Amino acid sequence: MDFAYFIPITLFVCIVVAIKVIVDARVRRRIAETNPSEEAMKAMIAAEEVARKLSALKWGLVLTMIGIAFGIIDAANLSSEAPGAWGILFAAAGVGLLAYHGIANRFR
């Protein structure tokens, strides 16, 4: 595998993350400039905290399920080109997202 392909992909991801950080900071600054009530600020901060926790939960579930899928693929001696291997990976990611959806609805 040629690792030179990862350089532009990594650059693109870094640019996207930088743009997201800048846009989020500008939105927060504009909200703060409008002098919102203290209750509104507390609600906004609390909502961001819940979103961060649920985001960590989502990616933890998805990555755990994908790890289990790789274990199943290895146990079944499937190659990386086998359609069944891809199906197991996609199914595991889907199950992880569905599990996240079920858990997240309980917190809201």
PDB file of N, CA and C in Angstrom:
ATOM      1  N   MET A   1       0.844  -1.173   0.000  1.00  0.00           N
ATOM      2  CA  MET A   1       0.000   0.000   0.000  1.00  0.00           C
ATOM      3  C   MET A   1       0.886   1.233   0.000  1.00  0.00           C
ATOM      4  N   ASP A   2       0.525   2.182  -0.821  1.00  0.00           N
ATOM      5  CA  ASP A   2       1.290   3.421  -0.920  1.00  0.00           C
ATOM      6  C   ASP A   2       0.739   4.427   0.090  1.00  0.00           C
ATOM      7  N   PHE A   3       1.557   4.761   1.072  1.00  0.00           N
ATOM      8  CA  PHE A   3       1.119   5.666   2.126  1.00  0.00           C
ATOM      9  C   PHE A   3       1.100   7.127   1.678  1.00  0.00           C
ATOM     10  N   ALA A   4       1.541   7.410   0.486  1.00  0.00           N
ATOM     11  CA  ALA A   4       1.515   8.780  -0.023  1.00  0.00           C
ATOM     12  C   ALA A   4       0.080   9.277  -0.202  1.00  0.00           C
ATOM     13  N   TYR A   5      -0.874   8.365  -0.332  1.00  0.00           N
ATOM     14  CA  TYR A   5      -2.276   8.774  -0.470  1.00  0.00           C
ATOM     15  C   TYR A   5      -2.824   9.365   0.829  1.00  0.00           C
ATOM     16  N   PHE A   6      -2.228   9.001   1.950  1.00  0.00           N
ATOM     17  CA  PHE A   6      -2.726   9.480   3.233  1.00  0.00           C
ATOM     18  C   PHE A   6      -2.401  10.952   3.486  1.00  0.00           C
ATOM     19  N   ILE A   7      -1.394  11.489   2.827  1.00  0.00           N
ATOM     20  CA  ILE A   7      -0.998  12.879   3.058  1.00  0.00           C
ATOM     21  C   ILE A   7      -2.099  13.846   2.641  1.00  0.00           C
ATOM     22  N   PRO A   8      -2.636  13.779   1.417  1.00  0.00           N
ATOM     23  CA  PRO A   8      -3.709  14.721   1.070  1.00  0.00           C
ATOM     24  C   PRO A   8      -4.996  14.477   1.871  1.00  0.00           C
ATOM     25  N   ILE A   9      -5.263  13.229   2.203  1.00  0.00           N
ATOM     26  CA  ILE A   9      -6.455  12.938   3.007  1.00  0.00           C
ATOM     27  C   ILE A   9      -6.321  13.570   4.388  1.00  0.00           C
ATOM     28  N   THR A  10      -5.156  13.429   4.995  1.00  0.00           N
ATOM     29  CA  THR A  10      -4.910  14.017   6.311  1.00  0.00           C
ATOM     30  C   THR A  10      -4.970  15.538   6.237  1.00  0.00           C
ATOM     31  N   LEU A  11      -4.413  16.110   5.192  1.00  0.00           N
ATOM     32  CA  LEU A  11      -4.466  17.564   5.010  1.00  0.00           C
ATOM     33  C   LEU A  11      -5.914  18.035   4.912  1.00  0.00           C
ATOM     34  N   PHE A  12      -6.738  17.331   4.145  1.00  0.00           N
ATOM     35  CA  PHE A  12      -8.149  17.691   4.001  1.00  0.00           C
ATOM     36  C   PHE A  12      -8.873  17.631   5.346  1.00  0.00           C
ATOM     37  N   VAL A  13      -8.636  16.574   6.115  1.00  0.00           N
ATOM     38  CA  VAL A  13      -9.276  16.429   7.424  1.00  0.00           C
ATOM     39  C   VAL A  13      -8.850  17.568   8.349  1.00  0.00           C
ATOM     40  N   CYS A  14      -7.568  17.915   8.332  1.00  0.00           N
ATOM     41  CA  CYS A  14      -7.081  19.012   9.177  1.00  0.00           C
ATOM     42  C   CYS A  14      -7.721  20.341   8.791  1.00  0.00           C
ATOM     43  N   ILE A  15      -7.866  20.599   7.510  1.00  0.00           N
ATOM     44  CA  ILE A  15      -8.502  21.837   7.050  1.00  0.00           C
ATOM     45  C   ILE A  15      -9.961  21.882   7.488  1.00  0.00           C
ATOM     46  N   VAL A  16     -10.672  20.778   7.356  1.00  0.00           N
ATOM     47  CA  VAL A  16     -12.075  20.727   7.763  1.00  0.00           C
ATOM     48  C   VAL A  16     -12.218  20.987   9.262  1.00  0.00           C
ATOM     49  N   VAL A  17     -11.361  20.364  10.060  1.00  0.00           N
ATOM     50  CA  VAL A  17     -11.425  20.555  11.510  1.00  0.00           C
ATOM     51  C   VAL A  17     -11.109  22.000  11.866  1.00  0.00           C
ATOM     52  N   ALA A  18     -10.117  22.594  11.222  1.00  0.00           N
ATOM     53  CA  ALA A  18      -9.774  23.994  11.495  1.00  0.00           C
ATOM     54  C   ALA A  18     -10.927  24.921  11.145  1.00  0.00           C
ATOM     55  N   ILE A  19     -11.579  24.698  10.023  1.00  0.00           N
ATOM     56  CA  ILE A  19     -12.733  25.522   9.634  1.00  0.00           C
ATOM     57  C   ILE A  19     -13.859  25.360  10.647  1.00  0.00           C
ATOM     58  N   LYS A  20     -14.113  24.157  11.097  1.00  0.00           N
ATOM     59  CA  LYS A  20     -15.175  23.920  12.081  1.00  0.00           C
ATOM     60  C   LYS A  20     -14.888  24.657  13.383  1.00  0.00           C
ATOM     61  N   VAL A  21     -13.650  24.612  13.847  1.00  0.00           N
ATOM     62  CA  VAL A  21     -13.280  25.293  15.086  1.00  0.00           C
ATOM     63  C   VAL A  21     -13.475  26.801  14.950  1.00  0.00           C
ATOM     64  N   ILE A  22     -13.058  27.363  13.823  1.00  0.00           N
ATOM     65  CA  ILE A  22     -13.199  28.808  13.609  1.00  0.00           C
ATOM     66  C   ILE A  22     -14.658  29.207  13.538  1.00  0.00           C
ATOM     67  N   VAL A  23     -15.458  28.451  12.814  1.00  0.00           N
ATOM     68  CA  VAL A  23     -16.889  28.779  12.691  1.00  0.00           C
ATOM     69  C   VAL A  23     -17.581  28.676  14.049  1.00  0.00           C
ATOM     70  N   ASP A  24     -17.287  27.633  14.817  1.00  0.00           N
ATOM     71  CA  ASP A  24     -17.893  27.496  16.144  1.00  0.00           C
ATOM     72  C   ASP A  24     -17.505  28.655  17.053  1.00  0.00           C
ATOM     73  N   ALA A  25     -16.241  29.078  16.998  1.00  0.00           N
ATOM     74  CA  ALA A  25     -15.798  30.203  17.826  1.00  0.00           C
ATOM     75  C   ALA A  25     -16.508  31.490  17.424  1.00  0.00           C
ATOM     76  N   ARG A  26     -16.681  31.722  16.144  1.00  0.00           N
ATOM     77  CA  ARG A  26     -17.379  32.932  15.692  1.00  0.00           C
ATOM     78  C   ARG A  26     -18.843  32.922  16.128  1.00  0.00           C
ATOM     79  N   VAL A  27     -19.483  31.766  16.029  1.00  0.00           N
ATOM     80  CA  VAL A  27     -20.888  31.673  16.443  1.00  0.00           C
ATOM     81  C   VAL A  27     -21.006  31.959  17.940  1.00  0.00           C
ATOM     82  N   ARG A  28     -20.117  31.391  18.743  1.00  0.00           N
ATOM     83  CA  ARG A  28     -20.154  31.652  20.188  1.00  0.00           C
ATOM     84  C   ARG A  28     -19.918  33.117  20.492  1.00  0.00           C
ATOM     85  N   ARG A  29     -18.979  33.734  19.779  1.00  0.00           N
ATOM     86  CA  ARG A  29     -18.700  35.154  20.015  1.00  0.00           C
ATOM     87  C   ARG A  29     -19.908  36.008  19.660  1.00  0.00           C
ATOM     88  N   ARG A  30     -20.551  35.711  18.554  1.00  0.00           N
ATOM     89  CA  ARG A  30     -21.729  36.501  18.163  1.00  0.00           C
ATOM     90  C   ARG A  30     -22.870  36.317  19.154  1.00  0.00           C
ATOM     91  N   ILE A  31     -23.020  35.116  19.656  1.00  0.00           N
ATOM     92  CA  ILE A  31     -24.057  34.894  20.671  1.00  0.00           C
ATOM     93  C   ILE A  31     -23.726  35.674  21.934  1.00  0.00           C
ATOM     94  N   ALA A  32     -22.459  35.681  22.321  1.00  0.00           N
ATOM     95  CA  ALA A  32     -22.055  36.416  23.526  1.00  0.00           C
ATOM     96  C   ALA A  32     -22.214  37.920  23.333  1.00  0.00           C
ATOM     97  N   GLU A  33     -22.027  38.419  22.116  1.00  0.00           N
ATOM     98  CA  GLU A  33     -22.173  39.849  21.847  1.00  0.00           C
ATOM     99  C   GLU A  33     -23.622  40.318  21.931  1.00  0.00           C
ATOM    100  N   THR A  34     -24.573  39.413  21.779  1.00  0.00           N
ATOM    101  CA  THR A  34     -25.984  39.803  21.834  1.00  0.00           C
ATOM    102  C   THR A  34     -26.488  39.918  23.267  1.00  0.00           C
ATOM    103  N   ASN A  35     -25.609  39.688  24.242  1.00  0.00           N
ATOM    104  CA  ASN A  35     -25.955  39.752  25.667  1.00  0.00           C
ATOM    105  C   ASN A  35     -27.151  38.868  26.008  1.00  0.00           C
ATOM    106  N   PRO A  36     -27.007  37.569  25.825  1.00  0.00           N
ATOM    107  CA  PRO A  36     -28.109  36.669  26.167  1.00  0.00           C
ATOM    108  C   PRO A  36     -28.264  36.576  27.690  1.00  0.00           C
ATOM    109  N   SER A  37     -29.396  36.082  28.105  1.00  0.00           N
ATOM    110  CA  SER A  37     -29.628  35.934  29.540  1.00  0.00           C
ATOM    111  C   SER A  37     -28.701  34.851  30.102  1.00  0.00           C
ATOM    112  N   GLU A  38     -28.522  34.899  31.403  1.00  0.00           N
ATOM    113  CA  GLU A  38     -27.653  33.917  32.056  1.00  0.00           C
ATOM    114  C   GLU A  38     -28.212  32.507  31.897  1.00  0.00           C
ATOM    115  N   GLU A  39     -29.532  32.390  31.941  1.00  0.00           N
ATOM    116  CA  GLU A  39     -30.163  31.083  31.770  1.00  0.00           C
ATOM    117  C   GLU A  39     -29.898  30.512  30.380  1.00  0.00           C
ATOM    118  N   ALA A  40     -29.942  31.369  29.364  1.00  0.00           N
ATOM    119  CA  ALA A  40     -29.692  30.920  27.995  1.00  0.00           C
ATOM    120  C   ALA A  40     -28.249  30.447  27.839  1.00  0.00           C
ATOM    121  N   MET A  41     -27.311  31.167  28.450  1.00  0.00           N
ATOM    122  CA  MET A  41     -25.904  30.767  28.381  1.00  0.00           C
ATOM    123  C   MET A  41     -25.681  29.430  29.081  1.00  0.00           C
ATOM    124  N   LYS A  42     -26.304  29.254  30.265  1.00  0.00           N
ATOM    125  CA  LYS A  42     -26.170  27.987  30.985  1.00  0.00           C
ATOM    126  C   LYS A  42     -26.770  26.840  30.179  1.00  0.00           C
ATOM    127  N   ALA A  43     -27.903  27.082  29.544  1.00  0.00           N
ATOM    128  CA  ALA A  43     -28.541  26.042  28.735  1.00  0.00           C
ATOM    129  C   ALA A  43     -27.664  25.677  27.538  1.00  0.00           C
ATOM    130  N   MET A  44     -27.047  26.682  26.920  1.00  0.00           N
ATOM    131  CA  MET A  44     -26.185  26.427  25.769  1.00  0.00           C
ATOM    132  C   MET A  44     -24.948  25.622  26.185  1.00  0.00           C
ATOM    133  N   ILE A  45     -24.352  25.978  27.307  1.00  0.00           N
ATOM    134  CA  ILE A  45     -23.170  25.254  27.794  1.00  0.00           C
ATOM    135  C   ILE A  45     -23.540  23.826  28.173  1.00  0.00           C
ATOM    136  N   ALA A  46     -24.683  23.650  28.822  1.00  0.00           N
ATOM    137  CA  ALA A  46     -25.123  22.305  29.205  1.00  0.00           C
ATOM    138  C   ALA A  46     -25.407  21.449  27.975  1.00  0.00           C
ATOM    139  N   ALA A  47     -26.008  22.045  26.956  1.00  0.00           N
ATOM    140  CA  ALA A  47     -26.301  21.301  25.730  1.00  0.00           C
ATOM    141  C   ALA A  47     -25.018  20.868  25.030  1.00  0.00           C
ATOM    142  N   GLU A  48     -24.008  21.735  25.017  1.00  0.00           N
ATOM    143  CA  GLU A  48     -22.730  21.373  24.404  1.00  0.00           C
ATOM    144  C   GLU A  48     -22.051  20.243  25.175  1.00  0.00           C
ATOM    145  N   GLU A  49     -22.155  20.268  26.494  1.00  0.00           N
ATOM    146  CA  GLU A  49     -21.544  19.218  27.314  1.00  0.00           C
ATOM    147  C   GLU A  49     -22.212  17.864  27.045  1.00  0.00           C
ATOM    148  N   VAL A  50     -23.523  17.858  26.960  1.00  0.00           N
ATOM    149  CA  VAL A  50     -24.234  16.616  26.666  1.00  0.00           C
ATOM    150  C   VAL A  50     -23.868  16.115  25.273  1.00  0.00           C
ATOM    151  N   ALA A  51     -23.755  17.035  24.309  1.00  0.00           N
ATOM    152  CA  ALA A  51     -23.401  16.640  22.945  1.00  0.00           C
ATOM    153  C   ALA A  51     -22.001  16.031  22.905  1.00  0.00           C
ATOM    154  N   ARG A  52     -21.069  16.591  23.672  1.00  0.00           N
ATOM    155  CA  ARG A  52     -19.709  16.031  23.709  1.00  0.00           C
ATOM    156  C   ARG A  52     -19.708  14.624  24.296  1.00  0.00           C
ATOM    157  N   LYS A  53     -20.437  14.443  25.381  1.00  0.00           N
ATOM    158  CA  LYS A  53     -20.482  13.114  26.006  1.00  0.00           C
ATOM    159  C   LYS A  53     -21.123  12.095  25.074  1.00  0.00           C
ATOM    160  N   LEU A  54     -22.203  12.481  24.418  1.00  0.00           N
ATOM    161  CA  LEU A  54     -22.873  11.550  23.520  1.00  0.00           C
ATOM    162  C   LEU A  54     -22.035  11.271  22.277  1.00  0.00           C
ATOM    163  N   SER A  55     -21.251  12.244  21.839  1.00  0.00           N
ATOM    164  CA  SER A  55     -20.371  12.018  20.695  1.00  0.00           C
ATOM    165  C   SER A  55     -19.308  10.981  21.039  1.00  0.00           C
ATOM    166  N   ALA A  56     -18.755  11.085  22.233  1.00  0.00           N
ATOM    167  CA  ALA A  56     -17.765  10.100  22.664  1.00  0.00           C
ATOM    168  C   ALA A  56     -18.411   8.715  22.765  1.00  0.00           C
ATOM    169  N   LEU A  57     -19.635   8.667  23.250  1.00  0.00           N
ATOM    170  CA  LEU A  57     -20.353   7.397  23.333  1.00  0.00           C
ATOM    171  C   LEU A  57     -20.579   6.807  21.950  1.00  0.00           C
ATOM    172  N   LYS A  58     -20.995   7.643  21.005  1.00  0.00           N
ATOM    173  CA  LYS A  58     -21.272   7.176  19.645  1.00  0.00           C
ATOM    174  C   LYS A  58     -20.032   6.561  19.020  1.00  0.00           C
ATOM    175  N   TRP A  59     -18.927   7.283  19.044  1.00  0.00           N
ATOM    176  CA  TRP A  59     -17.727   6.766  18.396  1.00  0.00           C
ATOM    177  C   TRP A  59     -17.143   5.592  19.165  1.00  0.00           C
ATOM    178  N   GLY A  60     -17.303   5.571  20.467  1.00  0.00           N
ATOM    179  CA  GLY A  60     -16.865   4.410  21.231  1.00  0.00           C
ATOM    180  C   GLY A  60     -17.633   3.164  20.845  1.00  0.00           C
ATOM    181  N   LEU A  61     -18.943   3.277  20.709  1.00  0.00           N
ATOM    182  CA  LEU A  61     -19.761   2.123  20.301  1.00  0.00           C
ATOM    183  C   LEU A  61     -19.426   1.663  18.883  1.00  0.00           C
ATOM    184  N   VAL A  62     -19.320   2.616  17.967  1.00  0.00           N
ATOM    185  CA  VAL A  62     -19.050   2.262  16.570  1.00  0.00           C
ATOM    186  C   VAL A  62     -17.689   1.588  16.442  1.00  0.00           C
ATOM    187  N   LEU A  63     -16.661   2.157  17.069  1.00  0.00           N
ATOM    188  CA  LEU A  63     -15.324   1.574  16.950  1.00  0.00           C
ATOM    189  C   LEU A  63     -15.225   0.228  17.659  1.00  0.00           C
ATOM    190  N   THR A  64     -15.929   0.068  18.773  1.00  0.00           N
ATOM    191  CA  THR A  64     -15.950  -1.228  19.444  1.00  0.00           C
ATOM    192  C   THR A  64     -16.603  -2.285  18.561  1.00  0.00           C
ATOM    193  N   MET A  65     -17.707  -1.931  17.944  1.00  0.00           N
ATOM    194  CA  MET A  65     -18.396  -2.885  17.064  1.00  0.00           C
ATOM    195  C   MET A  65     -17.538  -3.225  15.842  1.00  0.00           C
ATOM    196  N   ILE A  66     -16.822  -2.244  15.301  1.00  0.00           N
ATOM    197  CA  ILE A  66     -15.951  -2.528  14.165  1.00  0.00           C
ATOM    198  C   ILE A  66     -14.803  -3.429  14.599  1.00  0.00           C
ATOM    199  N   GLY A  67     -14.290  -3.221  15.808  1.00  0.00           N
ATOM    200  CA  GLY A  67     -13.251  -4.112  16.330  1.00  0.00           C
ATOM    201  C   GLY A  67     -13.746  -5.539  16.474  1.00  0.00           C
ATOM    202  N   ILE A  68     -14.963  -5.694  16.959  1.00  0.00           N
ATOM    203  CA  ILE A  68     -15.560  -7.029  17.056  1.00  0.00           C
ATOM    204  C   ILE A  68     -15.727  -7.629  15.659  1.00  0.00           C
ATOM    205  N   ALA A  69     -16.115  -6.791  14.690  1.00  0.00           N
ATOM    206  CA  ALA A  69     -16.278  -7.277  13.316  1.00  0.00           C
ATOM    207  C   ALA A  69     -14.954  -7.776  12.754  1.00  0.00           C
ATOM    208  N   PHE A  70     -13.868  -7.055  13.029  1.00  0.00           N
ATOM    209  CA  PHE A  70     -12.561  -7.530  12.557  1.00  0.00           C
ATOM    210  C   PHE A  70     -12.203  -8.858  13.191  1.00  0.00           C
ATOM    211  N   GLY A  71     -12.573  -9.043  14.449  1.00  0.00           N
ATOM    212  CA  GLY A  71     -12.344 -10.336  15.098  1.00  0.00           C
ATOM    213  C   GLY A  71     -13.131 -11.447  14.427  1.00  0.00           C
ATOM    214  N   ILE A  72     -14.372 -11.167  14.072  1.00  0.00           N
ATOM    215  CA  ILE A  72     -15.208 -12.159  13.384  1.00  0.00           C
ATOM    216  C   ILE A  72     -14.632 -12.471  12.007  1.00  0.00           C
ATOM    217  N   ILE A  73     -14.186 -11.436  11.302  1.00  0.00           N
ATOM    218  CA  ILE A  73     -13.604 -11.634   9.964  1.00  0.00           C
ATOM    219  C   ILE A  73     -12.356 -12.503  10.061  1.00  0.00           C
ATOM    220  N   ASP A  74     -11.525 -12.248  11.062  1.00  0.00           N
ATOM    221  CA  ASP A  74     -10.312 -13.046  11.237  1.00  0.00           C
ATOM    222  C   ASP A  74     -10.655 -14.487  11.611  1.00  0.00           C
ATOM    223  N   ALA A  75     -11.649 -14.662  12.474  1.00  0.00           N
ATOM    224  CA  ALA A  75     -12.041 -16.016  12.889  1.00  0.00           C
ATOM    225  C   ALA A  75     -12.636 -16.802  11.721  1.00  0.00           C
ATOM    226  N   ALA A  76     -13.300 -16.086  10.811  1.00  0.00           N
ATOM    227  CA  ALA A  76     -13.902 -16.755   9.661  1.00  0.00           C
ATOM    228  C   ALA A  76     -12.927 -16.907   8.495  1.00  0.00           C
ATOM    229  N   ASN A  77     -11.696 -16.435   8.657  1.00  0.00           N
ATOM    230  CA  ASN A  77     -10.661 -16.505   7.621  1.00  0.00           C
ATOM    231  C   ASN A  77     -11.103 -15.879   6.304  1.00  0.00           C
ATOM    232  N   LEU A  78     -11.758 -14.721   6.384  1.00  0.00           N
ATOM    233  CA  LEU A  78     -12.169 -13.999   5.183  1.00  0.00           C
ATOM    234  C   LEU A  78     -11.046 -13.061   4.752  1.00  0.00           C
ATOM    235  N   SER A  79     -10.908 -12.865   3.460  1.00  0.00           N
ATOM    236  CA  SER A  79      -9.904 -11.926   2.964  1.00  0.00           C
ATOM    237  C   SER A  79     -10.508 -10.529   2.915  1.00  0.00           C
ATOM    238  N   SER A  80      -9.648  -9.534   2.742  1.00  0.00           N
ATOM    239  CA  SER A  80     -10.138  -8.155   2.712  1.00  0.00           C
ATOM    240  C   SER A  80     -10.950  -7.854   1.462  1.00  0.00           C
ATOM    241  N   GLU A  81     -10.810  -8.682   0.416  1.00  0.00           N
ATOM    242  CA  GLU A  81     -11.570  -8.474  -0.811  1.00  0.00           C
ATOM    243  C   GLU A  81     -12.932  -9.171  -0.796  1.00  0.00           C
ATOM    244  N   ALA A  82     -13.160 -10.004   0.192  1.00  0.00           N
ATOM    245  CA  ALA A  82     -14.408 -10.768   0.238  1.00  0.00           C
ATOM    246  C   ALA A  82     -15.589  -9.843   0.550  1.00  0.00           C
ATOM    247  N   PRO A  83     -16.669  -9.967  -0.217  1.00  0.00           N
ATOM    248  CA  PRO A  83     -17.844  -9.135   0.049  1.00  0.00           C
ATOM    249  C   PRO A  83     -18.418  -9.373   1.448  1.00  0.00           C
ATOM    250  N   GLY A  84     -18.288 -10.589   1.934  1.00  0.00           N
ATOM    251  CA  GLY A  84     -18.784 -10.888   3.279  1.00  0.00           C
ATOM    252  C   GLY A  84     -18.054 -10.092   4.344  1.00  0.00           C
ATOM    253  N   ALA A  85     -16.765  -9.858   4.151  1.00  0.00           N
ATOM    254  CA  ALA A  85     -15.995  -9.071   5.114  1.00  0.00           C
ATOM    255  C   ALA A  85     -16.503  -7.633   5.159  1.00  0.00           C
ATOM    256  N   TRP A  86     -16.761  -7.078   3.987  1.00  0.00           N
ATOM    257  CA  TRP A  86     -17.300  -5.718   3.946  1.00  0.00           C
ATOM    258  C   TRP A  86     -18.701  -5.661   4.560  1.00  0.00           C
ATOM    259  N   GLY A  87     -19.490  -6.668   4.287  1.00  0.00           N
ATOM    260  CA  GLY A  87     -20.832  -6.712   4.870  1.00  0.00           C
ATOM    261  C   GLY A  87     -20.790  -6.768   6.389  1.00  0.00           C
ATOM    262  N   ILE A  88     -19.880  -7.563   6.926  1.00  0.00           N
ATOM    263  CA  ILE A  88     -19.743  -7.645   8.388  1.00  0.00           C
ATOM    264  C   ILE A  88     -19.327  -6.302   8.964  1.00  0.00           C
ATOM    265  N   LEU A  89     -18.387  -5.607   8.306  1.00  0.00           N
ATOM    266  CA  LEU A  89     -17.941  -4.295   8.797  1.00  0.00           C
ATOM    267  C   LEU A  89     -19.068  -3.278   8.784  1.00  0.00           C
ATOM    268  N   PHE A  90     -19.792  -3.210   7.662  1.00  0.00           N
ATOM    269  CA  PHE A  90     -20.889  -2.242   7.578  1.00  0.00           C
ATOM    270  C   PHE A  90     -22.016  -2.572   8.546  1.00  0.00           C
ATOM    271  N   ALA A  91     -22.305  -3.849   8.703  1.00  0.00           N
ATOM    272  CA  ALA A  91     -23.350  -4.254   9.647  1.00  0.00           C
ATOM    273  C   ALA A  91     -22.948  -3.906  11.073  1.00  0.00           C
ATOM    274  N   ALA A  92     -21.686  -4.111  11.413  1.00  0.00           N
ATOM    275  CA  ALA A  92     -21.221  -3.788  12.766  1.00  0.00           C
ATOM    276  C   ALA A  92     -21.299  -2.286  13.026  1.00  0.00           C
ATOM    277  N   ALA A  93     -20.900  -1.476  12.043  1.00  0.00           N
ATOM    278  CA  ALA A  93     -20.993  -0.025  12.206  1.00  0.00           C
ATOM    279  C   ALA A  93     -22.461   0.396  12.361  1.00  0.00           C
ATOM    280  N   GLY A  94     -23.338  -0.206  11.590  1.00  0.00           N
ATOM    281  CA  GLY A  94     -24.764   0.100  11.703  1.00  0.00           C
ATOM    282  C   GLY A  94     -25.341  -0.285  13.053  1.00  0.00           C
ATOM    283  N   VAL A  95     -24.949  -1.442  13.557  1.00  0.00           N
ATOM    284  CA  VAL A  95     -25.424  -1.872  14.876  1.00  0.00           C
ATOM    285  C   VAL A  95     -24.908  -0.916  15.954  1.00  0.00           C
ATOM    286  N   GLY A  96     -23.666  -0.472  15.817  1.00  0.00           N
ATOM    287  CA  GLY A  96     -23.124   0.493  16.774  1.00  0.00           C
ATOM    288  C   GLY A  96     -23.887   1.799  16.766  1.00  0.00           C
ATOM    289  N   LEU A  97     -24.231   2.291  15.578  1.00  0.00           N
ATOM    290  CA  LEU A  97     -25.004   3.534  15.485  1.00  0.00           C
ATOM    291  C   LEU A  97     -26.427   3.358  16.011  1.00  0.00           C
ATOM    292  N   LEU A  98     -27.030   2.198  15.756  1.00  0.00           N
ATOM    293  CA  LEU A  98     -28.373   1.940  16.295  1.00  0.00           C
ATOM    294  C   LEU A  98     -28.343   1.835  17.818  1.00  0.00           C
ATOM    295  N   ALA A  99     -27.303   1.225  18.358  1.00  0.00           N
ATOM    296  CA  ALA A  99     -27.168   1.145  19.813  1.00  0.00           C
ATOM    297  C   ALA A  99     -26.995   2.546  20.402  1.00  0.00           C
ATOM    298  N   TYR A 100     -26.205   3.371  19.732  1.00  0.00           N
ATOM    299  CA  TYR A 100     -26.042   4.758  20.177  1.00  0.00           C
ATOM    300  C   TYR A 100     -27.378   5.491  20.165  1.00  0.00           C
ATOM    301  N   HIS A 101     -28.135   5.314  19.102  1.00  0.00           N
ATOM    302  CA  HIS A 101     -29.433   5.989  18.991  1.00  0.00           C
ATOM    303  C   HIS A 101     -30.351   5.587  20.147  1.00  0.00           C
ATOM    304  N   GLY A 102     -30.371   4.303  20.460  1.00  0.00           N
ATOM    305  CA  GLY A 102     -31.215   3.835  21.568  1.00  0.00           C
ATOM    306  C   GLY A 102     -30.772   4.393  22.909  1.00  0.00           C
ATOM    307  N   ILE A 103     -29.466   4.434  23.143  1.00  0.00           N
ATOM    308  CA  ILE A 103     -28.954   4.959  24.413  1.00  0.00           C
ATOM    309  C   ILE A 103     -29.134   6.472  24.485  1.00  0.00           C
ATOM    310  N   ALA A 104     -28.877   7.168  23.382  1.00  0.00           N
ATOM    311  CA  ALA A 104     -28.984   8.630  23.380  1.00  0.00           C
ATOM    312  C   ALA A 104     -30.413   9.089  23.628  1.00  0.00           C
ATOM    313  N   ASN A 105     -31.397   8.347  23.129  1.00  0.00           N
ATOM    314  CA  ASN A 105     -32.792   8.732  23.345  1.00  0.00           C
ATOM    315  C   ASN A 105     -33.175   8.627  24.828  1.00  0.00           C
ATOM    316  N   ARG A 106     -32.508   7.756  25.565  1.00  0.00           N
ATOM    317  CA  ARG A 106     -32.784   7.651  27.000  1.00  0.00           C
ATOM    318  C   ARG A 106     -32.245   8.834  27.775  1.00  0.00           C
ATOM    319  N   PHE A 107     -31.134   9.427  27.282  1.00  0.00           N
ATOM    320  CA  PHE A 107     -30.533  10.567  27.983  1.00  0.00           C
ATOM    321  C   PHE A 107     -31.273  11.868  27.700  1.00  0.00           C
ATOM    322  N   ARG A 108     -32.005  11.938  26.609  1.00  0.00           N
ATOM    323  CA  ARG A 108     -32.664  13.206  26.225  1.00  0.00           C
ATOM    324  C   ARG A 108     -34.053  13.261  26.746  1.00  0.00           C
TER     325      ARG A 108
END
